[in-house]
């Protein structure tokens, strides 16, 4: 059972990266590759701790 939960967490993490990068052009962030990769890899932490990132993350996912 713990392995199944770990697998689900990895899938959610990778899906978040994929969705964020797919909609990155809709955000207000700089278009540089190093920043894009950093923001994508740190999405769970930034989503919880940064209000501006949350708004941009929503824009990337929903297209607003």
C-alpha atoms as a PDB file:
ATOM      1  CA  UNK A   1       0.000   0.000   0.000  1.00  0.00           C
ATOM      2  CA  UNK A   2       2.742   2.597   0.788  1.00  0.00           C
ATOM      3  CA  UNK A   3       4.302   1.878  -2.618  1.00  0.00           C
ATOM      4  CA  UNK A   4       0.972   2.605  -4.282  1.00  0.00           C
ATOM      5  CA  UNK A   5       0.687   5.952  -2.469  1.00  0.00           C
ATOM      6  CA  UNK A   6       4.260   6.807  -3.479  1.00  0.00           C
ATOM      7  CA  UNK A   7       3.463   5.970  -7.089  1.00  0.00           C
ATOM      8  CA  UNK A   8       0.380   8.193  -7.013  1.00  0.00           C
ATOM      9  CA  UNK A   9       2.434  11.073  -5.562  1.00  0.00           C
ATOM     10  CA  UNK A  10       5.069  10.699  -8.293  1.00  0.00           C
ATOM     11  CA  UNK A  11       2.374  10.672 -10.978  1.00  0.00           C
ATOM     12  CA  UNK A  12       0.738  13.812  -9.523  1.00  0.00           C
ATOM     13  CA  UNK A  13       4.128  15.553  -9.292  1.00  0.00           C
ATOM     14  CA  UNK A  14       5.074  14.740 -12.889  1.00  0.00           C
ATOM     15  CA  UNK A  15       1.589  15.663 -14.114  1.00  0.00           C
ATOM     16  CA  UNK A  16       1.887  19.044 -12.382  1.00  0.00           C
ATOM     17  CA  UNK A  17       5.222  19.658 -14.080  1.00  0.00           C
ATOM     18  CA  UNK A  18       3.803  18.690 -17.471  1.00  0.00           C
ATOM     19  CA  UNK A  19       0.662  20.833 -17.128  1.00  0.00           C
ATOM     20  CA  UNK A  20       2.630  23.836 -15.861  1.00  0.00           C
ATOM     21  CA  UNK A  21       5.164  23.659 -18.666  1.00  0.00           C
ATOM     22  CA  UNK A  22       2.410  23.180 -21.255  1.00  0.00           C
ATOM     23  CA  UNK A  23       0.695  26.406 -20.182  1.00  0.00           C
ATOM     24  CA  UNK A  24       3.809  28.348 -19.206  1.00  0.00           C
ATOM     25  CA  UNK A  25       3.342  30.890 -21.995  1.00  0.00           C
ATOM     26  CA  UNK A  26       0.150  32.102 -20.273  1.00  0.00           C
ATOM     27  CA  UNK A  27       2.007  33.111 -17.111  1.00  0.00           C
ATOM     28  CA  UNK A  28       3.737  36.376 -16.227  1.00  0.00           C
ATOM     29  CA  UNK A  29       7.051  34.632 -15.637  1.00  0.00           C
ATOM     30  CA  UNK A  30      10.228  35.228 -17.636  1.00  0.00           C
ATOM     31  CA  UNK A  31      10.545  32.843 -20.574  1.00  0.00           C
ATOM     32  CA  UNK A  32      14.140  31.744 -19.832  1.00  0.00           C
ATOM     33  CA  UNK A  33      14.736  28.002 -19.727  1.00  0.00           C
ATOM     34  CA  UNK A  34      16.538  27.833 -16.326  1.00  0.00           C
ATOM     35  CA  UNK A  35      13.733  29.748 -14.614  1.00  0.00           C
ATOM     36  CA  UNK A  36      11.079  27.684 -16.327  1.00  0.00           C
ATOM     37  CA  UNK A  37      12.675  24.433 -15.180  1.00  0.00           C
ATOM     38  CA  UNK A  38      13.155  25.694 -11.620  1.00  0.00           C
ATOM     39  CA  UNK A  39       9.564  26.895 -11.335  1.00  0.00           C
ATOM     40  CA  UNK A  40       8.278  23.614 -12.755  1.00  0.00           C
ATOM     41  CA  UNK A  41      10.333  21.415 -10.413  1.00  0.00           C
ATOM     42  CA  UNK A  42       9.450  23.434  -7.309  1.00  0.00           C
ATOM     43  CA  UNK A  43       5.738  23.734  -8.078  1.00  0.00           C
ATOM     44  CA  UNK A  44       4.424  21.942  -4.954  1.00  0.00           C
ATOM     45  CA  UNK A  45       6.428  24.140  -2.568  1.00  0.00           C
ATOM     46  CA  UNK A  46       5.736  27.369  -4.441  1.00  0.00           C
ATOM     47  CA  UNK A  47       2.050  26.554  -4.787  1.00  0.00           C
ATOM     48  CA  UNK A  48       1.723  26.346  -1.011  1.00  0.00           C
ATOM     49  CA  UNK A  49       3.968  29.271  -0.092  1.00  0.00           C
ATOM     50  CA  UNK A  50       3.617  31.922  -2.804  1.00  0.00           C
ATOM     51  CA  UNK A  51       0.366  33.703  -3.709  1.00  0.00           C
ATOM     52  CA  UNK A  52       1.693  35.145  -6.982  1.00  0.00           C
ATOM     53  CA  UNK A  53       2.886  31.705  -8.072  1.00  0.00           C
ATOM     54  CA  UNK A  54      -0.552  30.232  -7.260  1.00  0.00           C
ATOM     55  CA  UNK A  55      -2.236  32.771  -9.563  1.00  0.00           C
ATOM     56  CA  UNK A  56       0.226  32.075 -12.367  1.00  0.00           C
ATOM     57  CA  UNK A  57      -0.031  28.312 -11.837  1.00  0.00           C
ATOM     58  CA  UNK A  58      -3.804  28.596 -12.260  1.00  0.00           C
ATOM     59  CA  UNK A  59      -3.282  30.633 -15.443  1.00  0.00           C
ATOM     60  CA  UNK A  60      -0.983  27.938 -16.793  1.00  0.00           C
ATOM     61  CA  UNK A  61      -3.430  25.150 -16.003  1.00  0.00           C
ATOM     62  CA  UNK A  62      -6.709  26.820 -16.944  1.00  0.00           C
ATOM     63  CA  UNK A  63      -5.697  29.377 -19.502  1.00  0.00           C
ATOM     64  CA  UNK A  64      -6.936  32.431 -17.587  1.00  0.00           C
END
